[in-house]
Amino acid sequence: MEAYSRLIDLVGGFSPVHTVLARGADAELCYVHGKDTGNDPQYWLIEKKGKNITLTTLGLTGIVQSVSMIRGHKREHLLERKNGYGNFRSYTGQPVERLLAAAYDSISGFEFNDPRHKELFGWRADQIIARFGEMKQLYDEKDIVPEYNDTMVIAKISKSCPRACIYCPEPSAQGIQLYDMDTITHNMSMAKNLHEKYHGRFINEMNEGFLNTSSILWFHLAGRYLDDKAWREEIKEDNPCIENLLGRANLFGEKSTIRLKELVRRGAKGIIPDPKDIVGVFREHFPHLEKIYTFMGVPETNATSEGYLSELFNNAEGINRVLVGIESAHNPTSRFLGKKETAEDKTRAITMLQKAGFKVKVIVQVGAVGEGFYHGGRFVSGREGLEETAAWLKQTMGNSYNGKTGKILVSRYVPVEGTPLAEMHNHMRNIRPYGPKNSPEKEVRWFVRRLQKEGLDVVSIVDEDYEVAVQERRAIRTGAGRKETRSRNFQIPPSHFI
């Protein structure tokens, strides 16, 4: 069988680097390497139907990501799924199951170069729907999992967040609940069982892991708070913010949830799981992981020693990628959103993480304050905040550190029902909404171009990640319709997406 595709040139007018895996009548299944497009590797199912081409993209686990009809230079989306949450959208009114089944029915009749590859595409439509449904056991509705995809394993290790950011659904007056090691191990075992159930011998394709917590460093600081009396007294004077947040933290177990301060009163020690041990257990369950992500916050990072951060990075091939939600490097905007740390605090935290060896990805939120907000009797421009944030990103993220460059994730703000910021937007209180000539989407495009001109490694995650899940959950609750139509001129250029 020829290694070069006969049909791939009909998709977008150029031929990306690829390998043909299988062929049928006027149809091919190709592995597209992504080396020349800037995208992650994918499988493309290309079917010629008269003068039209049907293109089905599939992820590395063999699960359909999108189905499109290409007519000349126009591409019409039939089915689309942007992330690992399983939010399929049918744009034609056809049932999702029917569109999925059509793709796998085609592949089932192909002749494969290597018969072992065929098993990866042995999915049934009902099996895929069930798979995404069961995976929801691994995260809560309020959880934020950036860049969630089919090759990512999620292990939930805590619940809620001790902070008070007004845009986020995670803050809790009860403080963060840090899971004990038994609960963490149980959640990791559940994740392993689910992935073995649905992926079988292809579980090794799950090469990314996400330790689901608002910040894994709360475990380290809580353990130190419990075990080190001198440090506990020291932070009362030197870091009252961290001391206050730790004072409201809880240790969550199957039988009870106990305040950290109550554990101090009882004289308990050595019972808070250390992040290094958490990563070790994760590796035991999923030894094939190449990338392990987690969140680390600015205040917690600055309260942690550089020595410990280095240990955490170097411990048994542990965490190697860190997500930091700075949202804005403009101090007035940051304070308005509930983040009291300054741009200088954020610079220090990012620098510490980079020195320790982590690949750092910062998340910037665009559109949260609309055209601007009123604070202290004056109007503060949203664009002014973005300009200052862009300058900060150029200075902080513009150069490689130890051969590693940081990445900037730009997220469009999507109001989450019940949060203070969503209420401000709903009632136009303290916020000036975008006018008719602007929108969050336009502001994101402007900001991404602004960063790209500075040569920064930036990816827009608009409609790609958590916000899609938020919208889908809202649509499900309100009974919003699912049928949509969508078409556009089609060309596949080199992309800046991950």
Protein backbone atom coordinates (compact mmCIF):
# COMPACT_ATOMS: atom_id res chain seq x y z
CA MET A 1 0.00 0.00 0.00
CA GLU A 2 1.29 3.48 -0.89
CA ALA A 3 2.43 5.53 2.11
CA TYR A 4 1.38 8.79 0.40
CA SER A 5 -2.27 9.80 0.41
CA ARG A 6 -4.17 10.14 -2.84
CA LEU A 7 -6.88 12.26 -1.23
CA ILE A 8 -5.24 14.51 1.36
CA ASP A 9 -4.41 17.23 -1.22
CA LEU A 10 -8.18 17.69 -1.62
CA VAL A 11 -8.38 18.85 2.00
CA GLY A 12 -7.42 22.51 2.14
CA GLY A 13 -5.21 22.46 -0.93
CA PHE A 14 -1.96 21.30 0.66
CA SER A 15 -0.50 18.09 2.03
CA PRO A 16 0.64 18.06 5.67
CA VAL A 17 3.23 15.51 6.79
CA HIS A 18 1.32 12.24 7.11
CA THR A 19 1.32 8.47 6.96
CA VAL A 20 -1.47 6.40 5.39
CA LEU A 21 -2.67 3.72 7.81
CA ALA A 22 -5.58 2.22 5.88
CA ARG A 23 -7.64 2.51 2.70
CA GLY A 24 -11.16 1.79 1.55
CA ALA A 25 -13.13 2.62 -1.59
CA ASP A 26 -12.46 6.35 -2.23
CA ALA A 27 -11.45 6.73 1.41
CA GLU A 28 -8.27 6.81 3.48
CA LEU A 29 -7.25 6.95 7.13
CA CYS A 30 -4.07 9.00 7.68
CA TYR A 31 -1.93 9.82 10.67
CA VAL A 32 -1.18 13.56 10.41
CA HIS A 33 1.99 14.26 12.36
CA GLY A 34 1.34 17.95 13.05
CA LYS A 35 5.00 18.85 12.50
CA ASP A 36 4.21 21.42 9.79
CA THR A 37 0.86 22.69 11.09
CA GLY A 38 1.73 23.49 14.70
CA ASN A 39 -1.11 21.22 15.85
CA ASP A 40 -1.09 18.09 17.96
CA PRO A 41 -1.00 14.86 15.94
CA GLN A 42 -4.37 13.64 14.67
CA TYR A 43 -5.92 10.94 12.54
CA TRP A 44 -7.79 12.09 9.43
CA LEU A 45 -10.50 9.99 7.83
CA ILE A 46 -10.89 11.36 4.28
CA GLU A 47 -13.83 10.14 2.19
CA LYS A 48 -14.57 11.25 -1.36
CA LYS A 49 -18.31 11.42 -1.98
CA GLY A 50 -18.93 12.62 -5.53
CA LYS A 51 -17.51 16.12 -5.82
CA ASN A 52 -17.40 16.56 -2.05
CA ILE A 53 -14.98 15.45 0.64
CA THR A 54 -15.96 14.37 4.14
CA LEU A 55 -13.16 14.95 6.66
CA THR A 56 -13.38 13.32 10.06
CA THR A 57 -10.65 14.17 12.57
CA LEU A 58 -9.89 11.76 15.39
CA GLY A 59 -7.65 12.14 18.43
CA LEU A 60 -4.80 9.85 19.44
CA THR A 61 -7.22 7.60 21.34
CA GLY A 62 -9.22 7.01 18.15
CA ILE A 63 -12.21 9.12 19.27
CA VAL A 64 -13.90 11.44 16.77
CA GLN A 65 -13.23 15.15 17.28
CA SER A 66 -15.02 16.64 14.28
CA VAL A 67 -16.81 15.83 11.03
CA SER A 68 -16.87 18.32 8.16
CA MET A 69 -18.12 18.43 4.59
CA ILE A 70 -15.77 20.21 2.15
CA ARG A 71 -17.34 21.63 -1.00
CA GLY A 72 -14.73 23.37 -3.09
CA HIS A 73 -13.18 26.00 -0.82
CA LYS A 74 -15.96 25.95 1.75
CA ARG A 75 -16.07 23.77 4.82
CA GLU A 76 -19.35 23.00 6.58
CA HIS A 77 -19.16 21.61 10.10
CA LEU A 78 -21.41 18.63 10.67
CA LEU A 79 -20.14 17.61 14.11
CA GLU A 80 -17.66 19.21 16.48
CA ARG A 81 -16.14 18.62 19.89
CA LYS A 82 -13.61 21.11 21.20
CA ASN A 83 -12.20 19.38 24.26
CA GLY A 84 -12.13 16.35 26.53
CA TYR A 85 -15.48 17.04 28.20
CA GLY A 86 -17.39 15.27 25.41
CA ASN A 87 -19.54 18.24 24.42
CA PHE A 88 -20.46 17.11 20.91
CA ARG A 89 -22.36 19.62 18.78
CA SER A 90 -24.34 18.49 15.76
CA TYR A 91 -24.79 21.33 13.29
CA THR A 92 -27.16 19.49 10.94
CA GLY A 93 -29.84 18.20 13.28
CA GLN A 94 -28.62 14.64 12.78
CA PRO A 95 -28.16 12.68 16.01
CA VAL A 96 -24.60 12.67 17.30
CA GLU A 97 -24.68 8.89 17.51
CA ARG A 98 -25.50 8.57 13.80
CA LEU A 99 -22.59 10.79 12.75
CA LEU A 100 -20.19 8.91 15.00
CA ALA A 101 -21.40 5.52 13.82
CA ALA A 102 -20.94 6.50 10.16
CA ALA A 103 -17.25 7.22 10.71
CA TYR A 104 -16.50 3.96 12.51
CA ASP A 105 -18.57 1.95 10.03
CA SER A 106 -16.36 3.30 7.25
CA ILE A 107 -13.13 2.50 9.08
CA SER A 108 -14.29 -1.03 9.95
CA GLY A 109 -14.22 -1.94 6.27
CA PHE A 110 -10.70 -0.63 5.61
CA GLU A 111 -7.62 -2.65 4.80
CA PHE A 112 -4.92 -1.66 7.32
CA ASN A 113 -1.17 -1.72 6.68
CA ASP A 114 -0.74 -3.02 10.23
CA PRO A 115 -3.80 -4.92 11.54
CA ARG A 116 -2.87 -3.93 15.11
CA HIS A 117 -3.86 -0.33 14.35
CA LYS A 118 -7.43 -1.32 13.55
CA GLU A 119 -8.24 -2.06 17.20
CA LEU A 120 -7.69 1.60 18.13
CA PHE A 121 -10.66 2.55 15.94
CA GLY A 122 -12.98 -0.19 17.14
CA TRP A 123 -15.29 2.24 18.95
CA ARG A 124 -19.09 2.17 18.87
CA ALA A 125 -21.10 5.38 19.08
CA ASP A 126 -22.91 4.36 22.27
CA GLN A 127 -19.57 3.36 23.81
CA ILE A 128 -18.10 6.83 23.18
CA ILE A 129 -21.13 8.58 24.70
CA ALA A 130 -20.90 6.28 27.73
CA ARG A 131 -17.16 6.89 28.01
CA PHE A 132 -17.54 10.66 28.31
CA GLY A 133 -20.43 10.22 30.72
CA GLU A 134 -18.43 8.02 33.08
CA MET A 135 -15.36 10.26 32.92
CA LYS A 136 -17.43 13.00 34.60
CA GLN A 137 -16.90 11.07 37.83
CA LEU A 138 -13.32 12.39 37.76
CA TYR A 139 -14.19 16.08 38.08
CA ASP A 140 -16.88 18.36 39.52
CA GLU A 141 -18.95 20.86 37.57
CA LYS A 142 -16.95 23.75 39.06
CA ASP A 143 -13.53 22.30 38.29
CA ILE A 144 -11.26 24.09 35.83
CA VAL A 145 -9.17 21.81 33.60
CA PRO A 146 -7.37 23.90 30.95
CA GLU A 147 -6.42 22.16 27.71
CA TYR A 148 -8.45 19.08 28.65
CA ASN A 149 -8.15 16.51 25.87
CA ASP A 150 -8.65 12.82 25.17
CA THR A 151 -5.11 11.84 26.17
CA MET A 152 -5.32 13.49 29.60
CA VAL A 153 -5.92 11.59 32.85
CA ILE A 154 -7.53 13.62 35.65
CA ALA A 155 -7.07 12.84 39.35
CA LYS A 156 -9.00 15.01 41.79
CA ILE A 157 -6.97 15.69 44.95
CA SER A 158 -8.83 18.57 46.61
CA LYS A 159 -12.06 20.51 46.52
CA SER A 160 -12.84 24.25 46.44
CA CYS A 161 -10.44 27.14 46.78
CA PRO A 162 -9.63 29.26 49.84
CA ARG A 163 -9.40 32.48 47.85
CA ALA A 164 -12.17 34.91 46.84
CA CYS A 165 -11.77 35.67 43.13
CA ILE A 166 -15.11 37.14 42.01
CA TYR A 167 -15.16 35.47 38.55
CA CYS A 168 -14.58 31.90 39.73
CA PRO A 169 -17.11 29.30 41.01
CA GLU A 170 -14.58 27.49 43.20
CA PRO A 171 -14.13 29.84 46.22
CA SER A 172 -15.73 28.59 49.41
CA ALA A 173 -16.22 30.31 52.74
CA GLN A 174 -15.38 26.94 54.29
CA GLY A 175 -11.90 27.00 52.75
CA ILE A 176 -10.12 24.39 50.67
CA GLN A 177 -10.67 20.69 51.39
CA LEU A 178 -7.38 18.84 51.04
CA TYR A 179 -8.04 15.14 50.46
CA ASP A 180 -6.21 12.62 52.61
CA MET A 181 -4.03 10.03 50.90
CA ASP A 182 -6.68 7.32 51.04
CA THR A 183 -9.14 9.54 49.15
CA ILE A 184 -6.49 10.60 46.63
CA THR A 185 -5.48 6.98 46.02
CA HIS A 186 -9.14 5.99 45.60
CA ASN A 187 -9.66 8.73 42.99
CA MET A 188 -6.55 7.68 41.09
CA SER A 189 -7.63 4.03 41.14
CA MET A 190 -11.07 5.03 39.84
CA ALA A 191 -9.42 6.98 37.01
CA LYS A 192 -7.22 4.01 36.13
CA ASN A 193 -10.16 1.59 36.13
CA LEU A 194 -12.20 3.85 33.83
CA HIS A 195 -9.36 4.32 31.36
CA GLU A 196 -8.58 0.61 31.33
CA LYS A 197 -12.28 -0.11 30.75
CA TYR A 198 -12.53 2.11 27.69
CA HIS A 199 -8.99 2.18 26.29
CA GLY A 200 -7.72 -1.30 27.08
CA ARG A 201 -4.20 -1.91 25.83
CA PHE A 202 -4.15 1.60 24.34
CA ILE A 203 -4.12 3.18 27.80
CA ASN A 204 -0.51 4.17 27.06
CA GLU A 205 -1.93 6.75 24.65
CA MET A 206 -3.04 8.62 27.78
CA ASN A 207 0.25 10.48 28.09
CA GLU A 208 -0.85 13.60 29.98
CA GLY A 209 -1.89 13.83 33.61
CA PHE A 210 -3.65 16.59 35.51
CA LEU A 211 -3.65 16.74 39.31
CA ASN A 212 -6.96 18.51 39.85
CA THR A 213 -6.61 21.11 42.60
CA SER A 214 -6.73 24.89 42.90
CA SER A 215 -3.04 24.73 43.90
CA ILE A 216 -1.01 21.69 44.86
CA LEU A 217 1.21 23.86 47.05
CA TRP A 218 -1.58 24.15 49.64
CA PHE A 219 -0.70 20.56 50.60
CA HIS A 220 2.93 21.50 51.22
CA LEU A 221 2.05 24.65 53.17
CA ALA A 222 -0.67 22.90 55.18
CA GLY A 223 1.75 20.13 56.11
CA ARG A 224 4.32 22.65 57.23
CA TYR A 225 1.66 24.59 59.16
CA LEU A 226 0.75 21.41 61.01
CA ASP A 227 4.26 20.10 61.64
CA ASP A 228 6.37 23.22 62.17
CA LYS A 229 5.30 25.37 65.13
CA ALA A 230 8.05 27.94 64.62
CA TRP A 231 7.00 28.51 60.99
CA ARG A 232 3.37 28.69 62.05
CA GLU A 233 4.18 31.53 64.44
CA GLU A 234 6.46 33.19 61.89
CA ILE A 235 3.82 33.55 59.17
CA LYS A 236 1.39 35.17 61.61
CA GLU A 237 3.70 38.17 61.47
CA ASP A 238 5.32 37.85 58.04
CA ASN A 239 2.48 36.48 55.88
CA PRO A 240 -0.92 36.94 57.58
CA CYS A 241 -2.75 36.33 54.28
CA ILE A 242 -1.35 32.80 53.96
CA GLU A 243 -1.85 32.19 57.69
CA ASN A 244 -5.51 33.18 57.37
CA LEU A 245 -6.11 30.96 54.35
CA LEU A 246 -4.39 27.98 55.99
CA GLY A 247 -6.43 28.56 59.14
CA ARG A 248 -9.59 27.88 57.11
CA ALA A 249 -8.21 24.81 55.34
CA ASN A 250 -9.60 21.33 56.02
CA LEU A 251 -8.35 17.75 55.76
CA PHE A 252 -11.02 15.71 54.00
CA GLY A 253 -11.35 11.97 54.55
CA GLU A 254 -14.00 9.31 54.03
CA LYS A 255 -15.20 9.52 57.62
CA SER A 256 -14.64 13.16 58.57
CA THR A 257 -13.54 16.63 57.54
CA ILE A 258 -11.36 18.39 60.11
CA ARG A 259 -10.14 21.97 60.25
CA LEU A 260 -6.38 22.42 60.12
CA LYS A 261 -6.51 24.50 63.30
CA GLU A 262 -8.31 21.68 65.09
CA LEU A 263 -5.59 19.27 63.98
CA VAL A 264 -3.00 21.69 65.41
CA ARG A 265 -4.91 21.76 68.70
CA ARG A 266 -4.89 17.95 68.80
CA GLY A 267 -1.15 17.85 68.16
CA ALA A 268 -1.53 15.86 64.93
CA LYS A 269 1.51 15.73 62.66
CA GLY A 270 2.60 14.11 59.42
CA ILE A 271 -0.92 13.43 58.11
CA ILE A 272 -1.16 15.96 55.26
CA PRO A 273 -0.10 14.32 51.98
CA ASP A 274 3.07 15.88 50.59
CA PRO A 275 2.89 16.88 46.89
CA LYS A 276 5.94 14.71 46.18
CA ASP A 277 4.11 11.68 47.56
CA ILE A 278 0.94 12.57 45.64
CA VAL A 279 2.90 12.68 42.38
CA GLY A 280 4.56 9.38 43.28
CA VAL A 281 1.20 7.63 43.69
CA PHE A 282 0.01 9.17 40.41
CA ARG A 283 3.08 7.73 38.68
CA GLU A 284 2.42 4.32 40.20
CA HIS A 285 -1.06 4.32 38.67
CA PHE A 286 0.00 5.81 35.32
CA PRO A 287 3.74 5.15 34.76
CA HIS A 288 3.54 6.09 31.07
CA LEU A 289 2.67 9.77 31.61
CA GLU A 290 5.00 12.17 29.81
CA LYS A 291 3.45 15.44 31.01
CA ILE A 292 1.97 16.12 34.44
CA TYR A 293 0.13 19.40 34.91
CA THR A 294 -1.25 21.10 37.99
CA PHE A 295 -2.13 24.57 39.24
CA MET A 296 0.13 26.61 41.50
CA GLY A 297 -1.01 30.01 42.76
CA VAL A 298 1.10 33.13 43.17
CA PRO A 299 0.76 33.59 46.98
CA GLU A 300 1.44 29.92 47.71
CA THR A 301 4.45 29.84 45.39
CA ASN A 302 5.95 32.91 47.05
CA ALA A 303 5.40 31.30 50.46
CA THR A 304 7.29 28.16 49.37
CA SER A 305 11.08 27.86 49.44
CA GLU A 306 13.03 27.61 46.20
CA GLY A 307 14.60 24.43 47.58
CA TYR A 308 11.25 22.69 47.95
CA LEU A 309 10.12 23.73 44.46
CA SER A 310 13.29 22.21 43.03
CA GLU A 311 12.68 19.00 44.98
CA LEU A 312 9.13 18.83 43.67
CA PHE A 313 10.30 19.21 40.08
CA ASN A 314 13.14 16.71 40.39
CA ASN A 315 11.24 14.12 42.43
CA ALA A 316 10.87 10.86 40.46
CA GLU A 317 10.03 12.55 37.16
CA GLY A 318 7.15 14.35 38.82
CA ILE A 319 5.27 17.49 37.89
CA ASN A 320 6.86 19.15 34.87
CA ARG A 321 4.23 21.68 33.81
CA VAL A 322 2.62 24.33 35.98
CA LEU A 323 -0.46 26.43 35.25
CA VAL A 324 -0.62 29.84 36.93
CA GLY A 325 -3.80 31.90 36.59
CA ILE A 326 -2.55 35.46 36.74
CA GLU A 327 -5.69 36.74 34.90
CA SER A 328 -4.16 40.23 34.69
CA ALA A 329 -0.82 41.89 35.46
CA HIS A 330 -2.57 45.26 35.84
CA ASN A 331 -2.77 45.85 39.58
CA PRO A 332 -6.15 47.71 39.66
CA THR A 333 -7.79 45.02 37.49
CA SER A 334 -6.23 42.24 39.54
CA ARG A 335 -7.52 43.73 42.80
CA PHE A 336 -10.97 44.26 41.29
CA LEU A 337 -11.12 40.56 40.34
CA GLY A 338 -10.22 39.53 43.89
CA LYS A 339 -6.50 38.84 43.41
CA LYS A 340 -4.56 41.00 45.85
CA GLU A 341 -1.09 40.05 44.62
CA THR A 342 0.77 42.65 42.58
CA ALA A 343 2.52 42.33 39.24
CA GLU A 344 5.79 42.20 41.18
CA ASP A 345 4.45 39.28 43.24
CA LYS A 346 3.52 37.48 40.02
CA THR A 347 6.96 38.09 38.52
CA ARG A 348 8.62 36.63 41.59
CA ALA A 349 6.43 33.51 41.55
CA ILE A 350 6.93 32.86 37.83
CA THR A 351 10.69 33.32 38.18
CA MET A 352 10.86 30.90 41.13
CA LEU A 353 8.96 28.23 39.20
CA GLN A 354 11.14 28.68 36.12
CA LYS A 355 14.33 28.48 38.18
CA ALA A 356 13.09 25.23 39.71
CA GLY A 357 12.78 23.78 36.20
CA PHE A 358 9.03 23.87 35.55
CA LYS A 359 7.58 24.73 32.17
CA VAL A 360 5.19 27.51 33.15
CA LYS A 361 1.93 28.31 31.40
CA VAL A 362 0.19 31.49 32.52
CA ILE A 363 -3.51 32.06 31.99
CA VAL A 364 -4.74 35.55 31.13
CA GLN A 365 -8.44 36.32 31.11
CA VAL A 366 -9.83 38.78 28.54
CA GLY A 367 -13.22 40.43 28.74
CA ALA A 368 -13.83 40.01 32.47
CA VAL A 369 -14.20 43.76 33.03
CA GLY A 370 -15.74 44.64 29.64
CA GLU A 371 -14.81 48.12 28.43
CA GLY A 372 -13.74 48.85 32.00
CA PHE A 373 -14.87 49.14 35.59
CA TYR A 374 -15.52 51.74 38.25
CA HIS A 375 -13.37 51.60 41.34
CA GLY A 376 -12.73 54.18 44.02
CA GLY A 377 -14.83 56.73 42.21
CA ARG A 378 -12.97 56.52 38.89
CA PHE A 379 -13.27 54.58 35.65
CA VAL A 380 -10.49 52.08 34.88
CA SER A 381 -10.12 51.08 31.23
CA GLY A 382 -10.09 47.38 30.37
CA ARG A 383 -7.84 48.02 27.34
CA GLU A 384 -5.39 49.87 29.58
CA GLY A 385 -5.19 46.76 31.75
CA LEU A 386 -4.55 44.52 28.74
CA GLU A 387 -1.80 46.80 27.43
CA GLU A 388 -0.03 46.72 30.79
CA THR A 389 -0.48 42.95 30.96
CA ALA A 390 1.03 42.57 27.48
CA ALA A 391 4.08 44.59 28.50
CA TRP A 392 4.46 42.46 31.65
CA LEU A 393 4.18 39.23 29.64
CA LYS A 394 6.87 40.39 27.22
CA GLN A 395 9.21 41.07 30.11
CA THR A 396 8.38 37.96 32.15
CA MET A 397 7.61 35.31 29.53
CA GLY A 398 9.52 36.63 26.52
CA ASN A 399 12.79 34.79 27.12
CA SER A 400 13.53 31.12 27.60
CA TYR A 401 14.68 29.95 31.03
CA ASN A 402 16.99 26.94 31.18
CA GLY A 403 16.08 26.29 27.56
CA LYS A 404 12.34 26.29 28.29
CA THR A 405 9.95 28.94 27.03
CA GLY A 406 6.74 29.69 28.86
CA LYS A 407 3.38 29.62 27.12
CA ILE A 408 0.54 32.11 27.48
CA LEU A 409 -3.03 30.82 27.43
CA VAL A 410 -5.54 33.55 26.58
CA SER A 411 -9.03 32.76 27.78
CA ARG A 412 -12.22 34.62 26.94
CA TYR A 413 -14.29 35.46 30.01
CA VAL A 414 -17.56 33.55 30.22
CA PRO A 415 -19.88 34.55 33.09
CA VAL A 416 -20.51 31.70 35.53
CA GLU A 417 -23.93 31.87 37.13
CA GLY A 418 -23.88 32.72 40.82
CA THR A 419 -20.49 34.43 40.87
CA PRO A 420 -20.23 38.10 41.95
CA LEU A 421 -18.72 39.16 38.62
CA ALA A 422 -21.51 37.52 36.64
CA GLU A 423 -24.03 39.46 38.74
CA MET A 424 -22.18 42.69 37.97
CA HIS A 425 -22.40 41.95 34.26
CA ASN A 426 -26.06 40.92 34.46
CA HIS A 427 -27.05 44.15 36.23
CA MET A 428 -24.36 46.39 34.65
CA ARG A 429 -23.14 47.27 38.12
CA ASN A 430 -19.57 48.62 38.37
CA ILE A 431 -18.88 47.25 34.87
CA ARG A 432 -19.18 49.07 31.54
CA PRO A 433 -20.18 46.38 29.01
CA TYR A 434 -18.71 46.21 25.52
CA GLY A 435 -20.34 48.51 22.98
CA PRO A 436 -21.74 47.45 19.59
CA LYS A 437 -18.34 47.74 17.89
CA ASN A 438 -16.54 45.46 20.32
CA SER A 439 -17.00 42.10 22.03
CA PRO A 440 -15.00 39.65 24.17
CA GLU A 441 -14.16 37.67 21.01
CA LYS A 442 -12.80 40.74 19.21
CA GLU A 443 -10.84 41.75 22.30
CA VAL A 444 -9.27 38.29 22.49
CA ARG A 445 -8.25 38.42 18.83
CA TRP A 446 -6.72 41.87 19.34
CA PHE A 447 -4.85 40.73 22.46
CA VAL A 448 -3.50 37.56 20.83
CA ARG A 449 -2.23 39.55 17.84
CA ARG A 450 -0.70 42.07 20.25
CA LEU A 451 1.24 39.30 22.00
CA GLN A 452 2.25 37.59 18.77
CA LYS A 453 3.80 40.83 17.52
CA GLU A 454 6.06 40.66 20.58
CA GLY A 455 7.16 37.16 19.52
CA LEU A 456 5.48 35.50 22.52
CA ASP A 457 4.33 31.87 22.56
CA VAL A 458 0.60 32.39 22.87
CA VAL A 459 -2.46 30.27 22.26
CA SER A 460 -6.04 31.44 22.35
CA ILE A 461 -8.21 28.92 24.14
CA VAL A 462 -11.45 30.66 23.19
CA ASP A 463 -14.16 28.03 22.77
CA GLU A 464 -11.57 25.33 23.44
CA ASP A 465 -11.64 24.42 27.09
CA TYR A 466 -13.43 25.13 30.32
CA GLU A 467 -15.64 27.87 28.93
CA VAL A 468 -17.22 25.47 26.43
CA ALA A 469 -18.03 23.13 29.29
CA VAL A 470 -19.59 26.04 31.20
CA GLN A 471 -21.73 26.96 28.20
CA GLU A 472 -22.79 23.36 27.60
CA ARG A 473 -23.72 22.86 31.25
CA ARG A 474 -25.78 26.04 31.12
CA ALA A 475 -27.47 24.91 27.89
CA ILE A 476 -28.32 21.56 29.46
CA ARG A 477 -29.82 23.22 32.57
CA THR A 478 -31.88 25.73 30.56
CA GLY A 479 -32.93 23.32 27.83
CA ALA A 480 -31.29 25.38 25.10
CA GLY A 481 -31.38 23.85 21.65
CA ARG A 482 -28.39 21.99 20.25
CA LYS A 483 -28.91 22.34 16.49
CA GLU A 484 -26.73 24.96 14.84
CA THR A 485 -25.53 25.79 11.35
CA ARG A 486 -22.02 26.80 10.59
CA SER A 487 -19.95 27.17 7.46
CA ARG A 488 -16.97 29.27 6.45
CA ASN A 489 -14.29 29.58 3.83
CA PHE A 490 -11.83 26.81 4.51
CA GLN A 491 -8.08 26.76 4.44
CA ILE A 492 -5.74 24.94 6.81
CA PRO A 493 -2.86 27.30 7.54
CA PRO A 494 0.01 26.63 9.94
CA SER A 495 -1.55 27.22 13.35
CA HIS A 496 -0.37 28.59 16.66
CA PHE A 497 -2.56 26.20 18.58
CA ILE A 498 -0.92 23.58 20.75
